[in-house]
Amino acid sequence: MQPENIHATALLIGDRGILVTGASGSGKTTLALALIAHCRPCGLFARLVGDDQLFVEGHAGRLVCRVPAVIAGLAEVPGLGPRPLPFEPACVVDLHLRLLAAGGTARFQEDAASTIAGCLVPRIDLAERNVTAALPAIAARLSIALFL
């Protein structure tokens, strides 16, 4: 079975893979870069896997995403275009962050999940373009600083 190509951004925080989806311009790259910047000073490994396009497929019930070789190590910076940064070529996804229009998210979310490439992945819905509100929610879910 061929991997599916999806419009998304992925990163690793520690040993956990994070998949960020949302419409174009919703802040996927900005959120990923903010998470990396937040985690590194805390001593956590944090690195981009891929930005904008990813190949996803299921392996033994787990979602695996890989960055296409042509965009490996590049992140799109608004107004500047693609810029290089350290990356990992793949990750197993442990959490799906879905960016939605303001007002499109529930205040409290229990046991939300997405099925991607046949794999069930825990999910948090977040307001697009709102890193300030997203960081504490993600930190709490992953039990990283501020929430240890």
Protein backbone atom coordinates (compact mmCIF):
# COMPACT_ATOMS: atom_id res chain seq x y z
CA MET A 1 0.00 0.00 0.00
CA GLN A 2 1.31 3.45 -0.93
CA PRO A 3 1.77 6.14 1.74
CA GLU A 4 -0.82 8.92 1.65
CA ASN A 5 0.42 12.48 1.01
CA ILE A 6 -1.24 14.95 3.39
CA HIS A 7 -1.03 18.71 3.98
CA ALA A 8 0.38 18.88 7.52
CA THR A 9 3.39 19.61 9.70
CA ALA A 10 5.04 17.13 12.07
CA LEU A 11 7.59 17.39 14.84
CA LEU A 12 9.13 15.37 17.64
CA ILE A 13 9.08 16.44 21.27
CA GLY A 14 11.15 14.01 23.28
CA ASP A 15 10.10 10.64 21.90
CA ARG A 16 6.57 11.75 21.00
CA GLY A 17 5.47 12.57 17.50
CA ILE A 18 3.07 15.45 16.93
CA LEU A 19 1.04 15.92 13.75
CA VAL A 20 -0.40 19.39 13.11
CA THR A 21 -3.17 19.77 10.54
CA GLY A 22 -5.25 22.73 9.45
CA ALA A 23 -6.09 24.89 6.48
CA SER A 24 -3.39 26.79 4.62
CA GLY A 25 -2.40 29.80 6.70
CA SER A 26 -3.82 28.36 9.93
CA GLY A 27 -0.46 28.49 11.72
CA LYS A 28 0.83 24.91 11.50
CA THR A 29 4.44 25.92 10.94
CA THR A 30 4.32 28.76 13.45
CA LEU A 31 2.95 26.42 16.12
CA ALA A 32 5.56 23.74 15.38
CA LEU A 33 8.41 26.25 15.57
CA ALA A 34 7.01 27.75 18.79
CA LEU A 35 6.82 24.27 20.35
CA ILE A 36 10.41 23.56 19.38
CA ALA A 37 11.51 26.92 20.81
CA HIS A 38 9.55 26.26 24.03
CA CYS A 39 10.93 22.75 24.60
CA ARG A 40 14.64 23.18 23.91
CA PRO A 41 15.34 25.49 26.90
CA CYS A 42 13.56 22.90 29.09
CA GLY A 43 16.13 20.31 28.01
CA LEU A 44 13.71 18.39 25.80
CA PHE A 45 14.68 17.09 22.38
CA ALA A 46 12.49 18.96 19.90
CA ARG A 47 12.90 18.83 16.15
CA LEU A 48 10.89 19.31 12.97
CA VAL A 49 10.03 16.20 10.95
CA GLY A 50 8.38 17.89 7.99
CA ASP A 51 6.51 21.02 7.05
CA ASP A 52 3.61 21.42 4.64
CA GLN A 53 3.60 17.94 3.08
CA LEU A 54 4.02 14.54 4.73
CA PHE A 55 3.72 10.92 3.74
CA VAL A 56 1.61 8.98 6.27
CA GLU A 57 0.90 5.28 6.61
CA GLY A 58 -0.09 2.80 9.25
CA HIS A 59 2.39 0.27 10.64
CA ALA A 60 1.14 -2.24 13.21
CA GLY A 61 -1.69 0.12 14.16
CA ARG A 62 0.57 3.16 14.63
CA LEU A 63 0.64 6.20 12.35
CA VAL A 64 4.06 6.89 10.84
CA CYS A 65 4.83 10.08 8.97
CA ARG A 66 7.83 10.85 6.79
CA VAL A 67 9.02 14.02 5.18
CA PRO A 68 9.33 13.94 1.37
CA ALA A 69 13.03 14.15 0.41
CA VAL A 70 12.52 17.27 -1.70
CA ILE A 71 11.46 19.35 1.34
CA ALA A 72 13.45 17.61 4.09
CA GLY A 73 14.96 20.10 6.52
CA LEU A 74 12.91 23.07 5.27
CA ALA A 75 10.24 25.10 7.05
CA GLU A 76 8.19 27.76 5.33
CA VAL A 77 8.65 31.12 7.04
CA PRO A 78 5.85 33.59 6.21
CA GLY A 79 7.10 36.32 3.93
CA LEU A 80 10.50 34.66 3.43
CA GLY A 81 9.79 31.21 2.00
CA PRO A 82 11.50 27.93 2.90
CA ARG A 83 14.39 28.11 5.38
CA PRO A 84 16.66 25.25 6.53
CA LEU A 85 16.67 23.83 10.04
CA PRO A 86 17.57 20.53 11.77
CA PHE A 87 15.07 17.75 11.16
CA GLU A 88 14.26 14.08 11.68
CA PRO A 89 13.13 12.14 8.62
CA ALA A 90 10.19 10.34 10.28
CA CYS A 91 8.19 9.82 13.46
CA VAL A 92 5.45 7.73 14.97
CA VAL A 93 2.54 10.07 15.70
CA ASP A 94 1.29 10.12 19.30
CA LEU A 95 -0.88 13.25 19.14
CA HIS A 96 -2.82 15.05 16.40
CA LEU A 97 -3.24 18.82 16.79
CA ARG A 98 -6.08 20.00 14.56
CA LEU A 99 -6.18 23.76 13.97
CA LEU A 100 -9.71 25.09 13.45
CA ALA A 101 -11.28 28.49 12.90
CA ALA A 102 -11.92 30.48 16.09
CA GLY A 103 -15.12 29.26 17.73
CA GLY A 104 -14.76 25.82 16.12
CA THR A 105 -13.31 24.14 19.20
CA ALA A 106 -14.98 22.82 22.35
CA ARG A 107 -13.86 24.38 25.62
CA PHE A 108 -13.20 20.96 27.17
CA GLN A 109 -12.23 17.98 25.06
CA GLU A 110 -12.20 14.46 26.42
CA ASP A 111 -10.95 11.48 24.48
CA ALA A 112 -11.06 13.10 21.04
CA ALA A 113 -9.31 11.09 18.32
CA SER A 114 -8.79 11.09 14.57
CA THR A 115 -8.49 8.18 12.18
CA ILE A 116 -5.60 8.86 9.79
CA ALA A 117 -4.36 6.22 7.33
CA GLY A 118 -6.42 3.67 9.25
CA CYS A 119 -4.83 4.53 12.63
CA LEU A 120 -6.63 6.01 15.62
CA VAL A 121 -4.63 8.97 17.00
CA PRO A 122 -5.49 11.06 20.11
CA ARG A 123 -6.41 14.62 19.09
CA ILE A 124 -6.66 18.13 20.49
CA ASP A 125 -8.61 20.75 18.56
CA LEU A 126 -7.06 24.22 18.85
CA ALA A 127 -7.94 27.64 17.50
CA GLU A 128 -5.86 28.46 14.43
CA ARG A 129 -3.22 31.22 14.61
CA ASN A 130 -3.25 31.25 18.43
CA VAL A 131 0.09 29.96 19.71
CA THR A 132 -0.43 31.68 23.08
CA ALA A 133 -3.48 29.54 23.86
CA ALA A 134 -2.13 26.40 22.18
CA LEU A 135 1.17 26.07 24.08
CA PRO A 136 -0.32 25.48 27.57
CA ALA A 137 -2.88 22.99 26.20
CA ILE A 138 -0.18 20.97 24.42
CA ALA A 139 2.23 21.18 27.37
CA ALA A 140 -0.48 19.93 29.72
CA ARG A 141 -1.43 17.05 27.40
CA LEU A 142 2.21 15.97 27.00
CA SER A 143 3.15 16.67 30.65
CA ILE A 144 6.01 19.01 29.77
CA ALA A 145 7.00 22.30 31.41
CA LEU A 146 4.88 24.16 32.67
CA PHE A 147 2.96 20.95 33.52
CA LEU A 148 5.34 18.29 34.88
